[in-house]
Amino acid sequence: MTQVTLLYFASLRERAGVASEAVTTAAADLAGVYDEAQARHGFTWPREHLRVAVDGEFARWGDAPLAASEIAFIPPVSGG
């Protein structure tokens, strides 16, 4: 089990009702961490449409979560 902090932005933050949360995960990779968050909060964004970052650096979905890291899930942004 790995303790991490999840950061949510834009519509993900609205859906979760929080900007961040500390969680313990058994996921082997960042994709699994998102799957857990998606199940917990009912996110509708498919993973393929999001970016993931770890400790402020873009990461790959197949990367393992690191203890005490901040994992950010970033949906596409539109605007003008």
Protein backbone atom coordinates (compact mmCIF):
# COMPACT_ATOMS: atom_id res chain seq x y z
CA MET A 1 0.00 0.00 0.00
CA THR A 2 1.26 3.45 -0.92
CA GLN A 3 0.20 6.76 0.64
CA VAL A 4 -0.12 9.59 -1.94
CA THR A 5 -1.87 12.92 -2.34
CA LEU A 6 -4.19 13.28 -5.32
CA LEU A 7 -4.72 16.69 -6.91
CA TYR A 8 -7.81 17.37 -8.98
CA PHE A 9 -8.31 20.19 -11.47
CA ALA A 10 -11.25 21.77 -13.29
CA SER A 11 -14.23 19.42 -13.73
CA LEU A 12 -12.52 16.66 -11.76
CA ARG A 13 -12.23 18.99 -8.77
CA GLU A 14 -15.89 19.94 -9.12
CA ARG A 15 -16.98 16.29 -9.27
CA ALA A 16 -14.79 15.19 -6.34
CA GLY A 17 -15.82 18.19 -4.26
CA VAL A 18 -12.21 18.70 -3.14
CA ALA A 19 -9.04 20.01 -4.75
CA SER A 20 -6.89 17.32 -3.13
CA GLU A 21 -7.08 14.28 -0.92
CA ALA A 22 -4.66 11.92 0.80
CA VAL A 23 -5.28 8.30 -0.13
CA THR A 24 -3.70 4.92 0.35
CA THR A 25 -3.55 2.92 -2.87
CA ALA A 26 -2.76 -0.65 -3.77
CA ALA A 27 -2.52 0.26 -7.48
CA ALA A 28 0.58 -0.87 -9.31
CA ASP A 29 0.56 2.13 -11.67
CA LEU A 30 -0.89 5.61 -12.09
CA ALA A 31 -3.63 4.24 -14.33
CA GLY A 32 -4.81 2.12 -11.41
CA VAL A 33 -4.69 5.10 -9.08
CA TYR A 34 -6.97 7.01 -11.46
CA ASP A 35 -9.27 3.98 -11.77
CA GLU A 36 -9.65 3.96 -7.97
CA ALA A 37 -10.38 7.71 -7.89
CA GLN A 38 -12.80 7.34 -10.81
CA ALA A 39 -14.72 4.62 -8.96
CA ARG A 40 -14.75 6.65 -5.73
CA HIS A 41 -15.92 9.94 -7.27
CA GLY A 42 -17.76 8.86 -10.43
CA PHE A 43 -15.44 10.69 -12.83
CA THR A 44 -16.67 10.42 -16.42
CA TRP A 45 -13.41 11.40 -18.15
CA PRO A 46 -11.73 8.40 -19.77
CA ARG A 47 -8.07 8.16 -18.80
CA GLU A 48 -6.98 8.61 -22.43
CA HIS A 49 -8.28 12.20 -22.36
CA LEU A 50 -6.35 13.21 -19.25
CA ARG A 51 -2.76 14.07 -18.40
CA VAL A 52 -1.12 12.81 -15.25
CA ALA A 53 1.71 14.47 -13.35
CA VAL A 54 3.76 13.37 -10.35
CA ASP A 55 5.37 15.99 -8.13
CA GLY A 56 4.90 18.67 -10.77
CA GLU A 57 6.31 16.70 -13.73
CA PHE A 58 4.24 15.03 -16.43
CA ALA A 59 4.32 11.25 -16.05
CA ARG A 60 3.18 8.12 -17.88
CA TRP A 61 0.10 6.15 -16.88
CA GLY A 62 2.25 3.03 -16.53
CA ASP A 63 4.56 4.62 -13.94
CA ALA A 64 4.32 3.26 -10.40
CA PRO A 65 2.98 5.57 -7.69
CA LEU A 66 5.70 6.71 -5.31
CA ALA A 67 5.11 7.02 -1.57
CA ALA A 68 4.38 10.57 -0.38
CA SER A 69 4.12 11.91 -3.93
CA GLU A 70 1.54 14.33 -5.31
CA ILE A 71 -0.33 12.89 -8.28
CA ALA A 72 -2.30 15.36 -10.40
CA PHE A 73 -5.03 14.39 -12.81
CA ILE A 74 -5.48 17.11 -15.44
CA PRO A 75 -8.46 17.17 -17.82
CA PRO A 76 -8.36 19.02 -21.15
CA VAL A 77 -8.83 22.75 -20.75
CA SER A 78 -10.78 24.94 -23.13
CA GLY A 79 -11.31 28.63 -23.10
CA GLY A 80 -10.38 31.81 -24.72
